[in-house]
Amino acid sequence: MRAFIFPGQGAQTIGMGQALAEAYPAARAVFDEVDEALGEKLSDLIWSGDIAELTLTRNAQPALMATSLAAMRALEAEGVTIEAASYVAGHSLGEYSALAAAGALSVADTARLLRIRGEAMQDAVPVGVGAMAVLLGMDFEAAQAVAEEAAQGEVCEAANDNDPSQVVVSGHKAAVERAVEIAKEKGAKRAMLLPVSAPFHSSLMQPAAEVMAGALAEVQMAAPTVPLVANVRAEAVETDAIKDLLVEQVTGSVRWRESVAWMAGVGVTEVWEIGAGKALSGMVKRVDRSVATRAVGTPDDVIAAAAALNEG
């Protein structure tokens, strides 16, 4: 049994997806569709722009989705459909990519939703007020205890439970800085602030959650053709719950470690990372070494994946 998983923010690079677009007309069409939906040439920024501008949340989110969907369309051109997977999942914004890949949302609607989401998340907290930090060598319970100790009347929460030794905390900048120092004192291998512009997946994102509730209410969503393993539940969910969970996800923890463990527990033995980078594959291996991982982000990856999947 296999799952297709879709990366989140941080995986972006200049040039991502360009080779796919040049090799596969169906992949090129995804970038064209996103450009049209947003009313701008996001593809120019992705392929030849400035990395600082691409990394802005409002750009990174639709750009990463476009790259993932381009890889998925390239796979389809080689005869591999989304139904080759038993489950789909995505890390934070990757959950939208997963839903688009599984036919629950159109590419155009997904691009518009992610632009709204990126802007709302950026606008929820003034720049410089919030921060995020990664704690390495600490499990979720230890990181949660650090966050609680660091809060001191401010917000500091465990935001991403990525794998058994990597947890991200998020909240007010001073509280997150305290968490970094406390984590070091408590034996974290490393603890450092992340180069992000807002405290994602914390209760400070509540204004953004309200914006997304309104935006999602106006969008048609079909049942995904492959079940979604949702970030905030860490299990497969029913279609009628998905919109509410996408709203909850803005302020809630990304329970990636538990999501991978759940998939492995129901029989998933291989995971295919569709889109930019290989960060999720590394996390999967640290959660469960018995789960095989493959990344699909280039034309060569697509050919190799198609050979393996069409054979299987």
C-alpha atoms as a PDB file:
ATOM      1  CA  MET A   1       0.000   0.000   0.000  1.00  0.00           C
ATOM      2  CA  ARG A   2       1.307   3.464  -0.825  1.00  0.00           C
ATOM      3  CA  ALA A   3       0.668   7.127  -0.051  1.00  0.00           C
ATOM      4  CA  PHE A   4       1.382  10.235  -2.104  1.00  0.00           C
ATOM      5  CA  ILE A   5       2.558  13.138   0.062  1.00  0.00           C
ATOM      6  CA  PHE A   6       2.977  16.820  -0.811  1.00  0.00           C
ATOM      7  CA  PRO A   7       5.599  19.222   0.621  1.00  0.00           C
ATOM      8  CA  GLY A   8       5.029  22.453   2.521  1.00  0.00           C
ATOM      9  CA  GLN A   9       6.748  25.799   2.888  1.00  0.00           C
ATOM     10  CA  GLY A  10      10.531  25.718   2.973  1.00  0.00           C
ATOM     11  CA  ALA A  11      10.869  23.400  -0.030  1.00  0.00           C
ATOM     12  CA  GLN A  12      10.805  26.253  -2.550  1.00  0.00           C
ATOM     13  CA  THR A  13      13.739  26.848  -4.904  1.00  0.00           C
ATOM     14  CA  ILE A  14      14.169  29.029  -7.977  1.00  0.00           C
ATOM     15  CA  GLY A  15      13.681  26.843 -11.049  1.00  0.00           C
ATOM     16  CA  MET A  16      11.479  24.220  -9.407  1.00  0.00           C
ATOM     17  CA  GLY A  17       9.130  22.533 -11.836  1.00  0.00           C
ATOM     18  CA  GLN A  18      10.630  24.199 -14.917  1.00  0.00           C
ATOM     19  CA  ALA A  19      12.069  20.985 -16.358  1.00  0.00           C
ATOM     20  CA  LEU A  20       8.697  19.283 -15.807  1.00  0.00           C
ATOM     21  CA  ALA A  21       6.939  22.103 -17.659  1.00  0.00           C
ATOM     22  CA  GLU A  22       9.408  21.839 -20.549  1.00  0.00           C
ATOM     23  CA  ALA A  23       9.055  18.048 -20.766  1.00  0.00           C
ATOM     24  CA  TYR A  24       5.304  17.688 -20.255  1.00  0.00           C
ATOM     25  CA  PRO A  25       2.608  19.945 -21.770  1.00  0.00           C
ATOM     26  CA  ALA A  26       0.221  18.869 -18.987  1.00  0.00           C
ATOM     27  CA  ALA A  27       2.706  20.114 -16.376  1.00  0.00           C
ATOM     28  CA  ARG A  28       3.137  23.405 -18.250  1.00  0.00           C
ATOM     29  CA  ALA A  29      -0.648  23.786 -18.271  1.00  0.00           C
ATOM     30  CA  VAL A  30      -0.710  23.748 -14.449  1.00  0.00           C
ATOM     31  CA  PHE A  31       1.628  26.751 -14.245  1.00  0.00           C
ATOM     32  CA  ASP A  32      -0.423  28.544 -16.917  1.00  0.00           C
ATOM     33  CA  GLU A  33      -3.613  27.846 -14.950  1.00  0.00           C
ATOM     34  CA  VAL A  34      -2.082  29.190 -11.729  1.00  0.00           C
ATOM     35  CA  ASP A  35      -0.805  32.303 -13.524  1.00  0.00           C
ATOM     36  CA  GLU A  36      -4.289  32.929 -14.922  1.00  0.00           C
ATOM     37  CA  ALA A  37      -6.030  32.315 -11.585  1.00  0.00           C
ATOM     38  CA  LEU A  38      -3.763  34.787  -9.791  1.00  0.00           C
ATOM     39  CA  GLY A  39      -3.665  37.335 -12.627  1.00  0.00           C
ATOM     40  CA  GLU A  40       0.126  37.422 -12.676  1.00  0.00           C
ATOM     41  CA  LYS A  41       3.080  35.451 -14.021  1.00  0.00           C
ATOM     42  CA  LEU A  42       3.959  33.550 -10.867  1.00  0.00           C
ATOM     43  CA  SER A  43       5.751  31.059 -13.116  1.00  0.00           C
ATOM     44  CA  ASP A  44       8.319  33.766 -14.048  1.00  0.00           C
ATOM     45  CA  LEU A  45       9.053  34.296 -10.346  1.00  0.00           C
ATOM     46  CA  ILE A  46       9.313  30.526  -9.732  1.00  0.00           C
ATOM     47  CA  TRP A  47      11.695  29.892 -12.628  1.00  0.00           C
ATOM     48  CA  SER A  48      13.839  33.003 -12.823  1.00  0.00           C
ATOM     49  CA  GLY A  49      12.923  35.333  -9.964  1.00  0.00           C
ATOM     50  CA  ASP A  50      14.417  36.301  -6.635  1.00  0.00           C
ATOM     51  CA  ILE A  51      14.413  33.638  -3.904  1.00  0.00           C
ATOM     52  CA  ALA A  52      13.518  36.209  -1.222  1.00  0.00           C
ATOM     53  CA  GLU A  53      10.406  37.169  -3.177  1.00  0.00           C
ATOM     54  CA  LEU A  54       9.500  33.533  -3.874  1.00  0.00           C
ATOM     55  CA  THR A  55       9.869  32.763  -0.164  1.00  0.00           C
ATOM     56  CA  LEU A  56       7.231  35.352   0.763  1.00  0.00           C
ATOM     57  CA  THR A  57       4.328  33.331   2.112  1.00  0.00           C
ATOM     58  CA  ARG A  58       1.847  34.738  -0.420  1.00  0.00           C
ATOM     59  CA  ASN A  59       4.069  33.451  -3.263  1.00  0.00           C
ATOM     60  CA  ALA A  60       5.591  30.298  -1.798  1.00  0.00           C
ATOM     61  CA  GLN A  61       2.243  28.663  -1.052  1.00  0.00           C
ATOM     62  CA  PRO A  62       0.701  28.725  -4.558  1.00  0.00           C
ATOM     63  CA  ALA A  63       4.154  28.159  -6.127  1.00  0.00           C
ATOM     64  CA  LEU A  64       4.767  24.943  -4.212  1.00  0.00           C
ATOM     65  CA  MET A  65       1.263  23.715  -5.008  1.00  0.00           C
ATOM     66  CA  ALA A  66       1.815  24.441  -8.710  1.00  0.00           C
ATOM     67  CA  THR A  67       5.063  22.447  -8.677  1.00  0.00           C
ATOM     68  CA  SER A  68       3.431  19.491  -6.922  1.00  0.00           C
ATOM     69  CA  LEU A  69       0.486  19.467  -9.329  1.00  0.00           C
ATOM     70  CA  ALA A  70       2.840  19.747 -12.308  1.00  0.00           C
ATOM     71  CA  ALA A  71       4.666  16.639 -11.054  1.00  0.00           C
ATOM     72  CA  MET A  72       1.332  14.876 -10.613  1.00  0.00           C
ATOM     73  CA  ARG A  73       0.229  15.781 -14.153  1.00  0.00           C
ATOM     74  CA  ALA A  74       3.553  14.519 -15.497  1.00  0.00           C
ATOM     75  CA  LEU A  75       2.967  11.213 -13.702  1.00  0.00           C
ATOM     76  CA  GLU A  76      -0.511  11.036 -15.207  1.00  0.00           C
ATOM     77  CA  ALA A  77       0.995  11.605 -18.667  1.00  0.00           C
ATOM     78  CA  GLU A  78       3.098   8.480 -18.002  1.00  0.00           C
ATOM     79  CA  GLY A  79       0.056   6.459 -16.970  1.00  0.00           C
ATOM     80  CA  VAL A  80       0.164   6.878 -13.175  1.00  0.00           C
ATOM     81  CA  THR A  81      -3.031   8.285 -11.658  1.00  0.00           C
ATOM     82  CA  ILE A  82      -3.637   9.505  -8.118  1.00  0.00           C
ATOM     83  CA  GLU A  83      -5.541   6.255  -7.524  1.00  0.00           C
ATOM     84  CA  ALA A  84      -2.155   4.488  -7.503  1.00  0.00           C
ATOM     85  CA  ALA A  85      -2.089   5.717  -3.894  1.00  0.00           C
ATOM     86  CA  SER A  86      -4.321   4.519  -1.074  1.00  0.00           C
ATOM     87  CA  TYR A  87      -3.953   7.820   0.803  1.00  0.00           C
ATOM     88  CA  VAL A  88      -2.824  11.394   0.183  1.00  0.00           C
ATOM     89  CA  ALA A  89      -1.391  13.786   2.764  1.00  0.00           C
ATOM     90  CA  GLY A  90       0.425  17.110   2.738  1.00  0.00           C
ATOM     91  CA  HIS A  91       2.472  19.150   5.189  1.00  0.00           C
ATOM     92  CA  SER A  92       0.548  22.357   6.014  1.00  0.00           C
ATOM     93  CA  LEU A  93      -0.055  24.046   2.619  1.00  0.00           C
ATOM     94  CA  GLY A  94       0.736  20.632   1.081  1.00  0.00           C
ATOM     95  CA  GLU A  95      -2.680  19.513   2.289  1.00  0.00           C
ATOM     96  CA  TYR A  96      -4.185  21.807  -0.378  1.00  0.00           C
ATOM     97  CA  SER A  97      -1.895  20.262  -3.001  1.00  0.00           C
ATOM     98  CA  ALA A  98      -3.046  16.809  -1.897  1.00  0.00           C
ATOM     99  CA  LEU A  99      -6.697  17.807  -2.234  1.00  0.00           C
ATOM    100  CA  ALA A 100      -6.128  19.305  -5.697  1.00  0.00           C
ATOM    101  CA  ALA A 101      -4.220  16.188  -6.795  1.00  0.00           C
ATOM    102  CA  ALA A 102      -7.109  14.024  -5.573  1.00  0.00           C
ATOM    103  CA  GLY A 103      -9.654  16.079  -7.515  1.00  0.00           C
ATOM    104  CA  ALA A 104     -11.361  17.692  -4.513  1.00  0.00           C
ATOM    105  CA  LEU A 105     -10.386  21.232  -5.580  1.00  0.00           C
ATOM    106  CA  SER A 106      -9.630  22.738  -8.981  1.00  0.00           C
ATOM    107  CA  VAL A 107      -6.090  24.011  -9.558  1.00  0.00           C
ATOM    108  CA  ALA A 108      -7.420  27.557 -10.035  1.00  0.00           C
ATOM    109  CA  ASP A 109      -9.424  27.495  -6.785  1.00  0.00           C
ATOM    110  CA  THR A 110      -6.459  25.997  -4.925  1.00  0.00           C
ATOM    111  CA  ALA A 111      -4.128  28.729  -6.203  1.00  0.00           C
ATOM    112  CA  ARG A 112      -6.563  31.449  -5.145  1.00  0.00           C
ATOM    113  CA  LEU A 113      -7.132  29.857  -1.731  1.00  0.00           C
ATOM    114  CA  LEU A 114      -3.393  29.599  -1.102  1.00  0.00           C
ATOM    115  CA  ARG A 115      -2.806  33.210  -2.122  1.00  0.00           C
ATOM    116  CA  ILE A 116      -5.553  34.247   0.342  1.00  0.00           C
ATOM    117  CA  ARG A 117      -4.119  31.922   2.991  1.00  0.00           C
ATOM    118  CA  GLY A 118      -0.581  33.226   2.542  1.00  0.00           C
ATOM    119  CA  GLU A 119      -1.659  36.860   2.759  1.00  0.00           C
ATOM    120  CA  ALA A 120      -3.967  36.216   5.723  1.00  0.00           C
ATOM    121  CA  MET A 121      -1.244  34.371   7.634  1.00  0.00           C
ATOM    122  CA  GLN A 122       1.215  37.176   6.932  1.00  0.00           C
ATOM    123  CA  ASP A 123      -1.277  39.882   7.942  1.00  0.00           C
ATOM    124  CA  ALA A 124      -2.454  38.144  11.134  1.00  0.00           C
ATOM    125  CA  VAL A 125       0.572  39.295  13.143  1.00  0.00           C
ATOM    126  CA  PRO A 126       2.768  42.362  12.478  1.00  0.00           C
ATOM    127  CA  VAL A 127       6.247  41.489  11.192  1.00  0.00           C
ATOM    128  CA  GLY A 128       8.667  41.140  14.091  1.00  0.00           C
ATOM    129  CA  VAL A 129       6.003  40.277  16.693  1.00  0.00           C
ATOM    130  CA  GLY A 130       5.973  36.526  16.079  1.00  0.00           C
ATOM    131  CA  ALA A 131       8.596  33.864  15.432  1.00  0.00           C
ATOM    132  CA  MET A 132       9.129  30.129  15.011  1.00  0.00           C
ATOM    133  CA  ALA A 133      12.009  27.934  16.124  1.00  0.00           C
ATOM    134  CA  VAL A 134      13.008  24.359  15.466  1.00  0.00           C
ATOM    135  CA  LEU A 135      14.046  22.143  18.379  1.00  0.00           C
ATOM    136  CA  LEU A 136      16.194  19.194  17.279  1.00  0.00           C
ATOM    137  CA  GLY A 137      16.793  16.146  19.436  1.00  0.00           C
ATOM    138  CA  MET A 138      13.585  16.624  21.437  1.00  0.00           C
ATOM    139  CA  ASP A 139      10.380  14.633  21.189  1.00  0.00           C
ATOM    140  CA  PHE A 140       6.961  16.258  21.126  1.00  0.00           C
ATOM    141  CA  GLU A 141       6.261  15.962  24.858  1.00  0.00           C
ATOM    142  CA  ALA A 142       9.617  17.500  25.778  1.00  0.00           C
ATOM    143  CA  ALA A 143       9.142  20.314  23.261  1.00  0.00           C
ATOM    144  CA  GLN A 144       5.634  20.970  24.542  1.00  0.00           C
ATOM    145  CA  ALA A 145       6.991  21.276  28.072  1.00  0.00           C
ATOM    146  CA  VAL A 146       9.633  23.740  26.845  1.00  0.00           C
ATOM    147  CA  ALA A 147       6.962  25.807  25.073  1.00  0.00           C
ATOM    148  CA  GLU A 148       4.786  25.933  28.190  1.00  0.00           C
ATOM    149  CA  GLU A 149       7.725  27.013  30.353  1.00  0.00           C
ATOM    150  CA  ALA A 150       8.768  29.662  27.813  1.00  0.00           C
ATOM    151  CA  ALA A 151       5.310  31.201  27.382  1.00  0.00           C
ATOM    152  CA  GLN A 152       5.297  33.281  30.603  1.00  0.00           C
ATOM    153  CA  GLY A 153       1.958  34.874  29.730  1.00  0.00           C
ATOM    154  CA  GLU A 154       2.693  35.066  25.998  1.00  0.00           C
ATOM    155  CA  VAL A 155       1.937  32.537  23.251  1.00  0.00           C
ATOM    156  CA  CYS A 156       4.460  29.735  22.691  1.00  0.00           C
ATOM    157  CA  GLU A 157       3.051  26.499  21.288  1.00  0.00           C
ATOM    158  CA  ALA A 158       4.240  23.315  19.591  1.00  0.00           C
ATOM    159  CA  ALA A 159       3.349  23.994  15.965  1.00  0.00           C
ATOM    160  CA  ASN A 160       4.849  21.174  13.875  1.00  0.00           C
ATOM    161  CA  ASP A 161       5.432  17.672  15.224  1.00  0.00           C
ATOM    162  CA  ASN A 162       7.580  16.645  12.259  1.00  0.00           C
ATOM    163  CA  ASP A 163       9.347  13.501  13.449  1.00  0.00           C
ATOM    164  CA  PRO A 164      10.595  11.950  16.716  1.00  0.00           C
ATOM    165  CA  SER A 165      13.493  14.410  16.961  1.00  0.00           C
ATOM    166  CA  GLN A 166      12.206  17.568  15.263  1.00  0.00           C
ATOM    167  CA  VAL A 167       9.507  19.829  16.678  1.00  0.00           C
ATOM    168  CA  VAL A 168       8.813  23.433  15.705  1.00  0.00           C
ATOM    169  CA  VAL A 169       7.462  25.923  18.256  1.00  0.00           C
ATOM    170  CA  SER A 170       5.624  29.094  17.341  1.00  0.00           C
ATOM    171  CA  GLY A 171       4.311  32.230  19.035  1.00  0.00           C
ATOM    172  CA  HIS A 172       5.416  35.622  20.319  1.00  0.00           C
ATOM    173  CA  LYS A 173       9.047  36.344  19.388  1.00  0.00           C
ATOM    174  CA  ALA A 174      10.302  36.837  22.948  1.00  0.00           C
ATOM    175  CA  ALA A 175       8.628  33.632  24.109  1.00  0.00           C
ATOM    176  CA  VAL A 176      10.047  31.640  21.201  1.00  0.00           C
ATOM    177  CA  GLU A 177      13.520  33.045  21.928  1.00  0.00           C
ATOM    178  CA  ARG A 178      13.094  31.907  25.549  1.00  0.00           C
ATOM    179  CA  ALA A 179      12.094  28.450  24.256  1.00  0.00           C
ATOM    180  CA  VAL A 180      15.341  28.227  22.272  1.00  0.00           C
ATOM    181  CA  GLU A 181      17.419  28.917  25.410  1.00  0.00           C
ATOM    182  CA  ILE A 182      15.357  26.582  27.614  1.00  0.00           C
ATOM    183  CA  ALA A 183      15.592  23.795  25.018  1.00  0.00           C
ATOM    184  CA  LYS A 184      19.379  24.131  24.913  1.00  0.00           C
ATOM    185  CA  GLU A 185      19.524  23.950  28.717  1.00  0.00           C
ATOM    186  CA  LYS A 186      17.359  20.818  28.641  1.00  0.00           C
ATOM    187  CA  GLY A 187      19.665  19.004  26.222  1.00  0.00           C
ATOM    188  CA  ALA A 188      18.291  19.742  22.751  1.00  0.00           C
ATOM    189  CA  LYS A 189      20.880  18.882  20.093  1.00  0.00           C
ATOM    190  CA  ARG A 190      20.151  22.202  18.394  1.00  0.00           C
ATOM    191  CA  ALA A 191      17.569  24.933  18.819  1.00  0.00           C
ATOM    192  CA  MET A 192      17.343  27.884  16.477  1.00  0.00           C
ATOM    193  CA  LEU A 193      14.967  30.491  15.124  1.00  0.00           C
ATOM    194  CA  LEU A 194      13.595  29.800  11.636  1.00  0.00           C
ATOM    195  CA  PRO A 195      13.722  32.371   8.807  1.00  0.00           C
ATOM    196  CA  VAL A 196       9.941  32.810   8.656  1.00  0.00           C
ATOM    197  CA  SER A 197       7.930  35.996   8.814  1.00  0.00           C
ATOM    198  CA  ALA A 198       5.015  34.912  10.996  1.00  0.00           C
ATOM    199  CA  PRO A 199       4.158  32.496  13.851  1.00  0.00           C
ATOM    200  CA  PHE A 200       2.355  29.865  11.768  1.00  0.00           C
ATOM    201  CA  HIS A 201       0.240  27.135  13.368  1.00  0.00           C
ATOM    202  CA  SER A 202      -0.199  29.003  16.643  1.00  0.00           C
ATOM    203  CA  SER A 203      -3.226  30.632  18.238  1.00  0.00           C
ATOM    204  CA  LEU A 204      -1.865  33.999  17.036  1.00  0.00           C
ATOM    205  CA  MET A 205      -3.081  32.929  13.572  1.00  0.00           C
ATOM    206  CA  GLN A 206      -6.761  33.108  14.597  1.00  0.00           C
ATOM    207  CA  PRO A 207      -7.458  36.145  12.331  1.00  0.00           C
ATOM    208  CA  ALA A 208      -6.145  34.108   9.377  1.00  0.00           C
ATOM    209  CA  ALA A 209      -8.332  31.140  10.345  1.00  0.00           C
ATOM    210  CA  GLU A 210     -11.380  33.411  10.181  1.00  0.00           C
ATOM    211  CA  VAL A 211     -10.369  34.646   6.721  1.00  0.00           C
ATOM    212  CA  MET A 212      -9.952  31.052   5.512  1.00  0.00           C
ATOM    213  CA  ALA A 213     -13.349  30.041   6.903  1.00  0.00           C
ATOM    214  CA  GLY A 214     -14.900  32.706   4.686  1.00  0.00           C
ATOM    215  CA  ALA A 215     -12.811  31.839   1.634  1.00  0.00           C
ATOM    216  CA  LEU A 216     -13.429  28.086   1.891  1.00  0.00           C
ATOM    217  CA  ALA A 217     -17.178  28.612   2.329  1.00  0.00           C
ATOM    218  CA  GLU A 218     -17.303  30.079  -1.189  1.00  0.00           C
ATOM    219  CA  VAL A 219     -15.421  27.238  -2.897  1.00  0.00           C
ATOM    220  CA  GLN A 220     -16.893  24.041  -4.329  1.00  0.00           C
ATOM    221  CA  MET A 221     -15.201  20.939  -2.929  1.00  0.00           C
ATOM    222  CA  ALA A 222     -15.755  17.447  -4.299  1.00  0.00           C
ATOM    223  CA  ALA A 223     -14.981  14.223  -2.485  1.00  0.00           C
ATOM    224  CA  PRO A 224     -11.269  13.423  -2.978  1.00  0.00           C
ATOM    225  CA  THR A 225     -10.819  10.298  -5.102  1.00  0.00           C
ATOM    226  CA  VAL A 226      -8.217   9.107  -2.557  1.00  0.00           C
ATOM    227  CA  PRO A 227      -8.748   9.592   1.212  1.00  0.00           C
ATOM    228  CA  LEU A 228      -6.944  12.527   2.843  1.00  0.00           C
ATOM    229  CA  VAL A 229      -4.925  12.018   6.034  1.00  0.00           C
ATOM    230  CA  ALA A 230      -5.498  15.402   7.688  1.00  0.00           C
ATOM    231  CA  ASN A 231      -2.772  17.326   9.551  1.00  0.00           C
ATOM    232  CA  VAL A 232      -4.861  18.154  12.609  1.00  0.00           C
ATOM    233  CA  ARG A 233      -6.396  14.684  13.005  1.00  0.00           C
ATOM    234  CA  ALA A 234      -3.473  12.482  11.933  1.00  0.00           C
ATOM    235  CA  GLU A 235      -5.875  10.016  10.317  1.00  0.00           C
ATOM    236  CA  ALA A 236      -8.021   9.685   7.200  1.00  0.00           C
ATOM    237  CA  VAL A 237     -11.069  11.938   7.351  1.00  0.00           C
ATOM    238  CA  GLU A 238     -14.532  12.160   5.817  1.00  0.00           C
ATOM    239  CA  THR A 239     -15.086  14.689   3.017  1.00  0.00           C
ATOM    240  CA  ASP A 240     -17.661  16.719   4.958  1.00  0.00           C
ATOM    241  CA  ALA A 241     -15.058  17.470   7.667  1.00  0.00           C
ATOM    242  CA  ILE A 242     -12.281  18.688   5.352  1.00  0.00           C
ATOM    243  CA  LYS A 243     -13.174  22.386   5.091  1.00  0.00           C
ATOM    244  CA  ASP A 244     -13.479  22.726   8.879  1.00  0.00           C
ATOM    245  CA  LEU A 245     -10.149  20.939   9.327  1.00  0.00           C
ATOM    246  CA  LEU A 246      -8.448  23.272   6.833  1.00  0.00           C
ATOM    247  CA  VAL A 247      -9.633  26.198   8.969  1.00  0.00           C
ATOM    248  CA  GLU A 248      -8.495  24.460  12.163  1.00  0.00           C
ATOM    249  CA  GLN A 249      -5.128  23.725  10.536  1.00  0.00           C
ATOM    250  CA  VAL A 250      -4.226  27.452  10.411  1.00  0.00           C
ATOM    251  CA  THR A 251      -3.958  27.636  14.220  1.00  0.00           C
ATOM    252  CA  GLY A 252      -3.514  23.919  14.965  1.00  0.00           C
ATOM    253  CA  SER A 253      -0.437  21.714  15.113  1.00  0.00           C
ATOM    254  CA  VAL A 254       0.752  19.890  12.009  1.00  0.00           C
ATOM    255  CA  ARG A 255       0.735  16.339  13.397  1.00  0.00           C
ATOM    256  CA  TRP A 256       3.062  14.945  10.738  1.00  0.00           C
ATOM    257  CA  ARG A 257       4.819  12.337  12.902  1.00  0.00           C
ATOM    258  CA  GLU A 258       1.473  10.897  13.965  1.00  0.00           C
ATOM    259  CA  SER A 259       0.127  11.057  10.397  1.00  0.00           C
ATOM    260  CA  VAL A 260       3.043   8.984   9.103  1.00  0.00           C
ATOM    261  CA  ALA A 261       2.699   6.544  12.000  1.00  0.00           C
ATOM    262  CA  TRP A 262      -1.036   6.218  11.306  1.00  0.00           C
ATOM    263  CA  MET A 263      -0.419   5.462   7.625  1.00  0.00           C
ATOM    264  CA  ALA A 264       2.240   2.892   8.487  1.00  0.00           C
ATOM    265  CA  GLY A 265      -0.158   1.379  11.032  1.00  0.00           C
ATOM    266  CA  VAL A 266      -2.866   0.781   8.408  1.00  0.00           C
ATOM    267  CA  GLY A 267      -0.428  -0.880   6.016  1.00  0.00           C
ATOM    268  CA  VAL A 268       1.289   1.868   3.992  1.00  0.00           C
ATOM    269  CA  THR A 269       4.741   0.550   3.092  1.00  0.00           C
ATOM    270  CA  GLU A 270       5.864   3.155   0.554  1.00  0.00           C
ATOM    271  CA  VAL A 271       5.517   6.913   0.366  1.00  0.00           C
ATOM    272  CA  TRP A 272       6.031   9.047  -2.744  1.00  0.00           C
ATOM    273  CA  GLU A 273       6.839  12.747  -2.211  1.00  0.00           C
ATOM    274  CA  ILE A 274       5.332  14.675  -5.123  1.00  0.00           C
ATOM    275  CA  GLY A 275       6.835  18.102  -5.873  1.00  0.00           C
ATOM    276  CA  ALA A 276       9.784  20.163  -4.658  1.00  0.00           C
ATOM    277  CA  GLY A 277      12.529  18.736  -2.455  1.00  0.00           C
ATOM    278  CA  LYS A 278      12.869  15.680  -0.248  1.00  0.00           C
ATOM    279  CA  ALA A 279      12.304  17.093   3.246  1.00  0.00           C
ATOM    280  CA  LEU A 280       9.198  15.025   3.944  1.00  0.00           C
ATOM    281  CA  SER A 281      10.933  11.821   2.849  1.00  0.00           C
ATOM    282  CA  GLY A 282      13.576  12.417   5.520  1.00  0.00           C
ATOM    283  CA  MET A 283      10.899  12.955   8.146  1.00  0.00           C
ATOM    284  CA  VAL A 284       9.103   9.758   7.108  1.00  0.00           C
ATOM    285  CA  LYS A 285      12.308   7.726   7.481  1.00  0.00           C
ATOM    286  CA  ARG A 286      12.872   9.139  10.969  1.00  0.00           C
ATOM    287  CA  VAL A 287       9.320   8.189  11.961  1.00  0.00           C
ATOM    288  CA  ASP A 288       9.408   4.645  10.527  1.00  0.00           C
ATOM    289  CA  ARG A 289      12.480   3.253   8.798  1.00  0.00           C
ATOM    290  CA  SER A 290      10.461   0.372   7.329  1.00  0.00           C
ATOM    291  CA  VAL A 291       8.517   2.741   5.056  1.00  0.00           C
ATOM    292  CA  ALA A 292      10.202   3.152   1.651  1.00  0.00           C
ATOM    293  CA  THR A 293      10.378   6.714   0.275  1.00  0.00           C
ATOM    294  CA  ARG A 294      10.768   8.131  -3.233  1.00  0.00           C
ATOM    295  CA  ALA A 295      10.762  11.770  -4.361  1.00  0.00           C
ATOM    296  CA  VAL A 296       9.183  12.830  -7.672  1.00  0.00           C
ATOM    297  CA  GLY A 297      10.245  16.338  -8.679  1.00  0.00           C
ATOM    298  CA  THR A 298      12.058  16.066 -12.034  1.00  0.00           C
ATOM    299  CA  PRO A 299      11.343  14.432 -15.413  1.00  0.00           C
ATOM    300  CA  ASP A 300      13.854  11.671 -14.581  1.00  0.00           C
ATOM    301  CA  ASP A 301      12.035  11.049 -11.280  1.00  0.00           C
ATOM    302  CA  VAL A 302       8.729  10.851 -13.167  1.00  0.00           C
ATOM    303  CA  ILE A 303      10.093   8.264 -15.625  1.00  0.00           C
ATOM    304  CA  ALA A 304      11.543   6.159 -12.815  1.00  0.00           C
ATOM    305  CA  ALA A 305       8.365   6.427 -10.753  1.00  0.00           C
ATOM    306  CA  ALA A 306       6.173   5.502 -13.686  1.00  0.00           C
ATOM    307  CA  ALA A 307       8.329   2.451 -14.439  1.00  0.00           C
ATOM    308  CA  ALA A 308       8.064   1.287 -10.828  1.00  0.00           C
ATOM    309  CA  LEU A 309       4.366   2.086 -10.353  1.00  0.00           C
ATOM    310  CA  ASN A 310       3.113   0.817 -13.691  1.00  0.00           C
ATOM    311  CA  GLU A 311       5.006  -2.427 -13.087  1.00  0.00           C
ATOM    312  CA  GLY A 312       3.543  -2.732  -9.570  1.00  0.00           C
END
